[in-house]
Amino acid sequence: MFGTVNANRVDYENGVASLGRFMECWPQEVQALFTRRLSIDDFETALIGS
């Protein structure tokens, strides 16, 4: 998942834990949130879009 986080560590960790719980309850819906996967080396593609 690519993005920025404007939160302290505890809030970030709670978000990750929540995502895990969502995956347990609604795996297909959570997977639908991810539109594409890129390696870290393709960060420019992710930012610029192509």
PDB file of N, CA and C in Angstrom:
ATOM      1  N   MET A   1       0.847  -1.148   0.000  1.00  0.00           N
ATOM      2  CA  MET A   1       0.000   0.000   0.000  1.00  0.00           C
ATOM      3  C   MET A   1       0.903   1.224   0.000  1.00  0.00           C
ATOM      4  N   PHE A   2       0.648   2.131  -0.899  1.00  0.00           N
ATOM      5  CA  PHE A   2       1.431   3.353  -0.997  1.00  0.00           C
ATOM      6  C   PHE A   2       0.597   4.500  -0.478  1.00  0.00           C
ATOM      7  N   GLY A   3       1.192   5.323   0.306  1.00  0.00           N
ATOM      8  CA  GLY A   3       0.497   6.495   0.804  1.00  0.00           C
ATOM      9  C   GLY A   3       1.341   7.179   1.849  1.00  0.00           C
ATOM     10  N   THR A   4       0.797   8.200   2.395  1.00  0.00           N
ATOM     11  CA  THR A   4       1.472   8.892   3.474  1.00  0.00           C
ATOM     12  C   THR A   4       0.633   8.759   4.732  1.00  0.00           C
ATOM     13  N   VAL A   5       1.293   8.834   5.838  1.00  0.00           N
ATOM     14  CA  VAL A   5       0.604   8.694   7.116  1.00  0.00           C
ATOM     15  C   VAL A   5       0.953   9.896   7.972  1.00  0.00           C
ATOM     16  N   ASN A   6      -0.056  10.601   8.398  1.00  0.00           N
ATOM     17  CA  ASN A   6       0.124  11.728   9.296  1.00  0.00           C
ATOM     18  C   ASN A   6      -0.429  11.309  10.653  1.00  0.00           C
ATOM     19  N   ALA A   7       0.294  10.408  11.303  1.00  0.00           N
ATOM     20  CA  ALA A   7      -0.161   9.866  12.584  1.00  0.00           C
ATOM     21  C   ALA A   7       1.059   9.410  13.367  1.00  0.00           C
ATOM     22  N   ASN A   8       0.854   9.264  14.671  1.00  0.00           N
ATOM     23  CA  ASN A   8       1.956   8.732  15.469  1.00  0.00           C
ATOM     24  C   ASN A   8       2.007   7.211  15.305  1.00  0.00           C
ATOM     25  N   ARG A   9       3.027   6.608  15.849  1.00  0.00           N
ATOM     26  CA  ARG A   9       3.249   5.167  15.646  1.00  0.00           C
ATOM     27  C   ARG A   9       2.085   4.330  16.150  1.00  0.00           C
ATOM     28  N   VAL A  10       1.544   4.656  17.308  1.00  0.00           N
ATOM     29  CA  VAL A  10       0.442   3.867  17.874  1.00  0.00           C
ATOM     30  C   VAL A  10      -0.773   3.914  16.954  1.00  0.00           C
ATOM     31  N   ASP A  11      -1.104   5.100  16.433  1.00  0.00           N
ATOM     32  CA  ASP A  11      -2.244   5.214  15.527  1.00  0.00           C
ATOM     33  C   ASP A  11      -2.000   4.447  14.236  1.00  0.00           C
ATOM     34  N   TYR A  12      -0.771   4.502  13.720  1.00  0.00           N
ATOM     35  CA  TYR A  12      -0.418   3.747  12.511  1.00  0.00           C
ATOM     36  C   TYR A  12      -0.585   2.248  12.762  1.00  0.00           C
ATOM     37  N   GLU A  13      -0.062   1.765  13.880  1.00  0.00           N
ATOM     38  CA  GLU A  13      -0.165   0.342  14.207  1.00  0.00           C
ATOM     39  C   GLU A  13      -1.623  -0.074  14.390  1.00  0.00           C
ATOM     40  N   ASN A  14      -2.428   0.791  14.987  1.00  0.00           N
ATOM     41  CA  ASN A  14      -3.859   0.489  15.126  1.00  0.00           C
ATOM     42  C   ASN A  14      -4.531   0.402  13.759  1.00  0.00           C
ATOM     43  N   GLY A  15      -4.130   1.263  12.841  1.00  0.00           N
ATOM     44  CA  GLY A  15      -4.680   1.213  11.480  1.00  0.00           C
ATOM     45  C   GLY A  15      -4.329  -0.078  10.779  1.00  0.00           C
ATOM     46  N   VAL A  16      -3.091  -0.524  10.941  1.00  0.00           N
ATOM     47  CA  VAL A  16      -2.671  -1.793  10.339  1.00  0.00           C
ATOM     48  C   VAL A  16      -3.456  -2.952  10.947  1.00  0.00           C
ATOM     49  N   ALA A  17      -3.652  -2.920  12.259  1.00  0.00           N
ATOM     50  CA  ALA A  17      -4.432  -3.972  12.918  1.00  0.00           C
ATOM     51  C   ALA A  17      -5.878  -3.960  12.420  1.00  0.00           C
ATOM     52  N   SER A  18      -6.451  -2.783  12.249  1.00  0.00           N
ATOM     53  CA  SER A  18      -7.822  -2.681  11.731  1.00  0.00           C
ATOM     54  C   SER A  18      -7.911  -3.245  10.324  1.00  0.00           C
ATOM     55  N   LEU A  19      -6.930  -2.942   9.502  1.00  0.00           N
ATOM     56  CA  LEU A  19      -6.921  -3.477   8.140  1.00  0.00           C
ATOM     57  C   LEU A  19      -6.905  -5.002   8.171  1.00  0.00           C
ATOM     58  N   GLY A  20      -6.148  -5.571   9.083  1.00  0.00           N
ATOM     59  CA  GLY A  20      -6.124  -7.031   9.237  1.00  0.00           C
ATOM     60  C   GLY A  20      -7.484  -7.586   9.627  1.00  0.00           C
ATOM     61  N   ARG A  21      -8.180  -6.909  10.533  1.00  0.00           N
ATOM     62  CA  ARG A  21      -9.521  -7.351  10.926  1.00  0.00           C
ATOM     63  C   ARG A  21     -10.502  -7.227   9.759  1.00  0.00           C
ATOM     64  N   PHE A  22     -10.388  -6.139   9.001  1.00  0.00           N
ATOM     65  CA  PHE A  22     -11.247  -5.973   7.827  1.00  0.00           C
ATOM     66  C   PHE A  22     -10.997  -7.104   6.826  1.00  0.00           C
ATOM     67  N   MET A  23      -9.724  -7.483   6.656  1.00  0.00           N
ATOM     68  CA  MET A  23      -9.385  -8.568   5.730  1.00  0.00           C
ATOM     69  C   MET A  23     -10.038  -9.878   6.167  1.00  0.00           C
ATOM     70  N   GLU A  24     -10.132 -10.090   7.476  1.00  0.00           N
ATOM     71  CA  GLU A  24     -10.769 -11.310   7.978  1.00  0.00           C
ATOM     72  C   GLU A  24     -12.269 -11.310   7.685  1.00  0.00           C
ATOM     73  N   CYS A  25     -12.907 -10.157   7.796  1.00  0.00           N
ATOM     74  CA  CYS A  25     -14.360 -10.059   7.616  1.00  0.00           C
ATOM     75  C   CYS A  25     -14.774  -9.876   6.168  1.00  0.00           C
ATOM     76  N   TRP A  26     -14.027  -9.071   5.424  1.00  0.00           N
ATOM     77  CA  TRP A  26     -14.404  -8.694   4.063  1.00  0.00           C
ATOM     78  C   TRP A  26     -13.188  -8.760   3.131  1.00  0.00           C
ATOM     79  N   PRO A  27     -12.603  -9.935   2.927  1.00  0.00           N
ATOM     80  CA  PRO A  27     -11.370 -10.014   2.137  1.00  0.00           C
ATOM     81  C   PRO A  27     -11.516  -9.531   0.697  1.00  0.00           C
ATOM     82  N   GLN A  28     -12.609  -9.856   0.042  1.00  0.00           N
ATOM     83  CA  GLN A  28     -12.770  -9.443  -1.358  1.00  0.00           C
ATOM     84  C   GLN A  28     -12.935  -7.930  -1.474  1.00  0.00           C
ATOM     85  N   GLU A  29     -13.656  -7.350  -0.551  1.00  0.00           N
ATOM     86  CA  GLU A  29     -13.870  -5.908  -0.595  1.00  0.00           C
ATOM     87  C   GLU A  29     -12.576  -5.144  -0.343  1.00  0.00           C
ATOM     88  N   VAL A  30     -11.774  -5.646   0.597  1.00  0.00           N
ATOM     89  CA  VAL A  30     -10.494  -4.986   0.882  1.00  0.00           C
ATOM     90  C   VAL A  30      -9.566  -5.129  -0.319  1.00  0.00           C
ATOM     91  N   GLN A  31      -9.508  -6.307  -0.926  1.00  0.00           N
ATOM     92  CA  GLN A  31      -8.657  -6.501  -2.099  1.00  0.00           C
ATOM     93  C   GLN A  31      -9.068  -5.577  -3.239  1.00  0.00           C
ATOM     94  N   ALA A  32     -10.351  -5.270  -3.338  1.00  0.00           N
ATOM     95  CA  ALA A  32     -10.838  -4.384  -4.399  1.00  0.00           C
ATOM     96  C   ALA A  32     -10.312  -2.957  -4.231  1.00  0.00           C
ATOM     97  N   LEU A  33      -9.857  -2.604  -3.037  1.00  0.00           N
ATOM     98  CA  LEU A  33      -9.294  -1.275  -2.799  1.00  0.00           C
ATOM     99  C   LEU A  33      -7.935  -1.105  -3.471  1.00  0.00           C
ATOM    100  N   PHE A  34      -7.244  -2.213  -3.726  1.00  0.00           N
ATOM    101  CA  PHE A  34      -5.919  -2.177  -4.328  1.00  0.00           C
ATOM    102  C   PHE A  34      -6.082  -2.282  -5.842  1.00  0.00           C
ATOM    103  N   THR A  35      -5.821  -1.207  -6.535  1.00  0.00           N
ATOM    104  CA  THR A  35      -6.071  -1.171  -7.971  1.00  0.00           C
ATOM    105  C   THR A  35      -4.896  -1.681  -8.792  1.00  0.00           C
ATOM    106  N   ARG A  36      -3.697  -1.606  -8.243  1.00  0.00           N
ATOM    107  CA  ARG A  36      -2.528  -2.146  -8.944  1.00  0.00           C
ATOM    108  C   ARG A  36      -1.394  -2.324  -7.946  1.00  0.00           C
ATOM    109  N   ARG A  37      -0.454  -3.150  -8.308  1.00  0.00           N
ATOM    110  CA  ARG A  37       0.712  -3.411  -7.457  1.00  0.00           C
ATOM    111  C   ARG A  37       1.963  -3.046  -8.231  1.00  0.00           C
ATOM    112  N   LEU A  38       2.833  -2.319  -7.571  1.00  0.00           N
ATOM    113  CA  LEU A  38       4.104  -1.914  -8.172  1.00  0.00           C
ATOM    114  C   LEU A  38       5.214  -2.168  -7.167  1.00  0.00           C
ATOM    115  N   SER A  39       6.409  -2.426  -7.672  1.00  0.00           N
ATOM    116  CA  SER A  39       7.550  -2.568  -6.773  1.00  0.00           C
ATOM    117  C   SER A  39       7.994  -1.181  -6.322  1.00  0.00           C
ATOM    118  N   ILE A  40       8.759  -1.132  -5.277  1.00  0.00           N
ATOM    119  CA  ILE A  40       9.250   0.148  -4.762  1.00  0.00           C
ATOM    120  C   ILE A  40      10.097   0.862  -5.812  1.00  0.00           C
ATOM    121  N   ASP A  41      10.723   0.098  -6.703  1.00  0.00           N
ATOM    122  CA  ASP A  41      11.533   0.704  -7.765  1.00  0.00           C
ATOM    123  C   ASP A  41      10.690   1.466  -8.780  1.00  0.00           C
ATOM    124  N   ASP A  42       9.396   1.200  -8.795  1.00  0.00           N
ATOM    125  CA  ASP A  42       8.488   1.867  -9.736  1.00  0.00           C
ATOM    126  C   ASP A  42       7.743   3.027  -9.084  1.00  0.00           C
ATOM    127  N   PHE A  43       8.357   3.660  -8.089  1.00  0.00           N
ATOM    128  CA  PHE A  43       7.670   4.722  -7.373  1.00  0.00           C
ATOM    129  C   PHE A  43       7.273   5.888  -8.281  1.00  0.00           C
ATOM    130  N   GLU A  44       8.097   6.160  -9.283  1.00  0.00           N
ATOM    131  CA  GLU A  44       7.758   7.267 -10.201  1.00  0.00           C
ATOM    132  C   GLU A  44       6.477   6.957 -10.965  1.00  0.00           C
ATOM    133  N   THR A  45       6.321   5.724 -11.378  1.00  0.00           N
ATOM    134  CA  THR A  45       5.094   5.320 -12.064  1.00  0.00           C
ATOM    135  C   THR A  45       3.897   5.509 -11.154  1.00  0.00           C
ATOM    136  N   ALA A  46       4.058   5.165  -9.894  1.00  0.00           N
ATOM    137  CA  ALA A  46       2.964   5.305  -8.941  1.00  0.00           C
ATOM    138  C   ALA A  46       2.591   6.772  -8.743  1.00  0.00           C
ATOM    139  N   LEU A  47       3.581   7.639  -8.696  1.00  0.00           N
ATOM    140  CA  LEU A  47       3.324   9.070  -8.459  1.00  0.00           C
ATOM    141  C   LEU A  47       2.841   9.798  -9.690  1.00  0.00           C
ATOM    142  N   ILE A  48       3.454   9.503 -10.824  1.00  0.00           N
ATOM    143  CA  ILE A  48       3.139  10.219 -12.049  1.00  0.00           C
ATOM    144  C   ILE A  48       1.961   9.566 -12.763  1.00  0.00           C
ATOM    145  N   GLY A  49       1.908   8.260 -12.699  1.00  0.00           N
ATOM    146  CA  GLY A  49       0.846   7.517 -13.349  1.00  0.00           C
ATOM    147  C   GLY A  49       1.126   7.285 -14.812  1.00  0.00           C
ATOM    148  N   SER A  50       1.240   6.046 -15.167  1.00  0.00           N
ATOM    149  CA  SER A  50       1.401   5.690 -16.582  1.00  0.00           C
ATOM    150  C   SER A  50       1.026   4.255 -16.785  1.00  0.00           C
TER     151      SER A  50
END
